C-alpha atoms as a PDB file:
ATOM      1  CA  GLN A   1      98.358  93.624  87.314  1.00  0.00           C
ATOM      2  CA  MET A   2     102.072  94.187  87.389  1.00  0.00           C
ATOM      3  CA  SER A   3     103.658  95.449  84.228  1.00  0.00           C
ATOM      4  CA  LYS A   4     106.951  97.074  83.327  1.00  0.00           C
ATOM      5  CA  SER A   5     105.072  99.677  81.274  1.00  0.00           C
ATOM      6  CA  THR A   6     102.958 100.821  84.262  1.00  0.00           C
ATOM      7  CA  GLY A   7     105.952 100.971  86.570  1.00  0.00           C
ATOM      8  CA  ASN A   8     104.600  98.632  89.220  1.00  0.00           C
ATOM      9  CA  PHE A   9     106.773  95.665  88.287  1.00  0.00           C
ATOM     10  CA  LEU A  10     108.769  93.843  90.978  1.00  0.00           C
ATOM     11  CA  THR A  11     111.293  91.087  90.503  1.00  0.00           C
ATOM     12  CA  LEU A  12     110.977  88.086  92.781  1.00  0.00           C
ATOM     13  CA  SER A  13     113.932  89.169  94.920  1.00  0.00           C
ATOM     14  CA  GLN A  14     112.550  92.727  95.205  1.00  0.00           C
ATOM     15  CA  ALA A  15     109.148  91.385  96.235  1.00  0.00           C
ATOM     16  CA  VAL A  16     110.668  89.065  98.852  1.00  0.00           C
ATOM     17  CA  ASP A  17     112.774  91.938 100.209  1.00  0.00           C
ATOM     18  CA  LYS A  18     109.659  94.119 100.410  1.00  0.00           C
ATOM     19  CA  PHE A  19     107.106  91.608 101.734  1.00  0.00           C
ATOM     20  CA  SER A  20     109.171  88.663 103.083  1.00  0.00           C
ATOM     21  CA  ALA A  21     108.959  85.139 101.734  1.00  0.00           C
ATOM     22  CA  ASP A  22     105.904  84.323 103.853  1.00  0.00           C
ATOM     23  CA  GLY A  23     104.118  87.518 102.846  1.00  0.00           C
ATOM     24  CA  MET A  24     104.742  86.638  99.206  1.00  0.00           C
ATOM     25  CA  ARG A  25     103.471  83.083  99.703  1.00  0.00           C
ATOM     26  CA  LEU A  26     100.216  84.367 101.171  1.00  0.00           C
ATOM     27  CA  ALA A  27      99.736  86.992  98.457  1.00  0.00           C
ATOM     28  CA  LEU A  28     100.548  84.545  95.670  1.00  0.00           C
ATOM     29  CA  ALA A  29      98.198  81.954  97.119  1.00  0.00           C
ATOM     30  CA  ASP A  30      95.465  84.593  96.935  1.00  0.00           C
ATOM     31  CA  ALA A  31      96.469  85.798  93.451  1.00  0.00           C
ATOM     32  CA  GLY A  32      94.093  83.461  91.652  1.00  0.00           C
ATOM     33  CA  ASP A  33      93.607  79.810  90.932  1.00  0.00           C
ATOM     34  CA  THR A  34      91.974  79.802  87.534  1.00  0.00           C
ATOM     35  CA  VAL A  35      93.474  79.796  84.066  1.00  0.00           C
ATOM     36  CA  GLU A  36      93.334  83.607  84.010  1.00  0.00           C
ATOM     37  CA  ASP A  37      96.404  85.706  84.729  1.00  0.00           C
ATOM     38  CA  ALA A  38      97.261  85.917  88.403  1.00  0.00           C
ATOM     39  CA  ASN A  39      96.479  89.219  90.079  1.00  0.00           C
ATOM     40  CA  PHE A  40      99.090  90.042  92.713  1.00  0.00           C
ATOM     41  CA  VAL A  41      97.726  92.636  95.148  1.00  0.00           C
ATOM     42  CA  GLU A  42     100.235  94.425  97.388  1.00  0.00           C
ATOM     43  CA  ALA A  43      97.544  95.096  99.997  1.00  0.00           C
ATOM     44  CA  MET A  44      97.094  91.342 100.350  1.00  0.00           C
ATOM     45  CA  ALA A  45     100.826  90.880 100.938  1.00  0.00           C
ATOM     46  CA  ASP A  46     100.751  93.634 103.568  1.00  0.00           C
ATOM     47  CA  ALA A  47      97.694  92.086 105.221  1.00  0.00           C
ATOM     48  CA  GLY A  48      99.388  88.679 105.220  1.00  0.00           C
ATOM     49  CA  ILE A  49     102.432  90.078 106.968  1.00  0.00           C
ATOM     50  CA  LEU A  50     100.186  91.739 109.564  1.00  0.00           C
ATOM     51  CA  ARG A  51      98.310  88.477 110.189  1.00  0.00           C
ATOM     52  CA  LEU A  52     101.590  86.599 110.594  1.00  0.00           C
ATOM     53  CA  TYR A  53     102.910  89.237 113.006  1.00  0.00           C
ATOM     54  CA  THR A  54      99.681  89.149 115.029  1.00  0.00           C
ATOM     55  CA  TRP A  55      99.795  85.362 115.181  1.00  0.00           C
ATOM     56  CA  VAL A  56     103.441  85.314 116.305  1.00  0.00           C
ATOM     57  CA  GLU A  57     102.659  87.852 119.046  1.00  0.00           C
ATOM     58  CA  TRP A  58      99.710  85.739 120.205  1.00  0.00           C
ATOM     59  CA  VAL A  59     101.928  82.638 120.340  1.00  0.00           C
ATOM     60  CA  LYS A  60     104.527  84.544 122.393  1.00  0.00           C
ATOM     61  CA  GLU A  61     101.790  85.664 124.786  1.00  0.00           C
ATOM     62  CA  MET A  62     100.471  82.111 125.154  1.00  0.00           C
ATOM     63  CA  ILE A  63     103.954  80.773 125.847  1.00  0.00           C
ATOM     64  CA  ALA A  64     104.616  83.493 128.416  1.00  0.00           C
ATOM     65  CA  ASN A  65     101.310  82.761 130.180  1.00  0.00           C
ATOM     66  CA  ARG A  66     101.247  78.984 129.848  1.00  0.00           C
ATOM     67  CA  ASP A  67     101.209  78.557 133.626  1.00  0.00           C
ATOM     68  CA  SER A  68      97.796  80.250 133.727  1.00  0.00           C
ATOM     69  CA  LEU A  69      96.286  77.889 131.151  1.00  0.00           C
ATOM     70  CA  ARG A  70      94.025  75.046 132.174  1.00  0.00           C
ATOM     71  CA  THR A  71      95.675  71.774 133.176  1.00  0.00           C
ATOM     72  CA  GLY A  72      94.399  68.350 134.078  1.00  0.00           C
ATOM     73  CA  PRO A  73      92.278  65.842 132.234  1.00  0.00           C
ATOM     74  CA  ALA A  74      90.454  67.007 129.131  1.00  0.00           C
ATOM     75  CA  ASN A  75      87.081  65.414 129.670  1.00  0.00           C
ATOM     76  CA  THR A  76      84.480  68.188 129.488  1.00  0.00           C
ATOM     77  CA  PHE A  77      81.836  68.150 126.767  1.00  0.00           C
ATOM     78  CA  ASN A  78      83.690  70.899 124.886  1.00  0.00           C
ATOM     79  CA  ASP A  79      86.918  68.890 125.067  1.00  0.00           C
ATOM     80  CA  ARG A  80      85.193  65.834 123.599  1.00  0.00           C
ATOM     81  CA  VAL A  81      83.591  67.896 120.818  1.00  0.00           C
ATOM     82  CA  PHE A  82      86.959  69.481 119.988  1.00  0.00           C
ATOM     83  CA  ALA A  83      88.707  66.092 119.914  1.00  0.00           C
ATOM     84  CA  SER A  84      85.944  64.666 117.730  1.00  0.00           C
ATOM     85  CA  GLU A  85      86.194  67.558 115.234  1.00  0.00           C
ATOM     86  CA  MET A  86      89.981  67.233 115.105  1.00  0.00           C
ATOM     87  CA  ASN A  87      89.722  63.479 114.485  1.00  0.00           C
ATOM     88  CA  ALA A  88      87.123  64.051 111.749  1.00  0.00           C
ATOM     89  CA  GLY A  89      89.436  66.601 110.116  1.00  0.00           C
ATOM     90  CA  ILE A  90      92.360  64.190 110.277  1.00  0.00           C
ATOM     91  CA  MET A  91      90.304  61.421 108.665  1.00  0.00           C
ATOM     92  CA  LYS A  92      89.052  63.762 105.920  1.00  0.00           C
ATOM     93  CA  THR A  93      92.606  64.925 105.243  1.00  0.00           C
ATOM     94  CA  GLU A  94      93.848  61.334 104.996  1.00  0.00           C
ATOM     95  CA  GLN A  95      91.031  60.498 102.568  1.00  0.00           C
ATOM     96  CA  ASN A  96      91.854  63.499 100.382  1.00  0.00           C
ATOM     97  CA  TYR A  97      95.556  62.595 100.332  1.00  0.00           C
ATOM     98  CA  GLU A  98      94.679  59.047  99.313  1.00  0.00           C
ATOM     99  CA  LYS A  99      92.598  60.371  96.401  1.00  0.00           C
END
């Protein structure tokens, strides 16, 4: 845990400067969801930044190579399964929002 007495205390602006706003969001989301004190782990913030960077690089690669991606009608069995799973997820999300 962060504490001024142990010397590992960061203000919000220091933490955002160090980990970025998105890195902080990921680390704070993982810090705990119970009534106990949140446990901010710097390694989680670092890992979050790395995952974001990896994802952004993958997106750039996909955009650069979009001409090599499959085109045409999406009617294979795998396409239908994917569409069905996406539709089921959308319906479940709508139900949860309504609750």
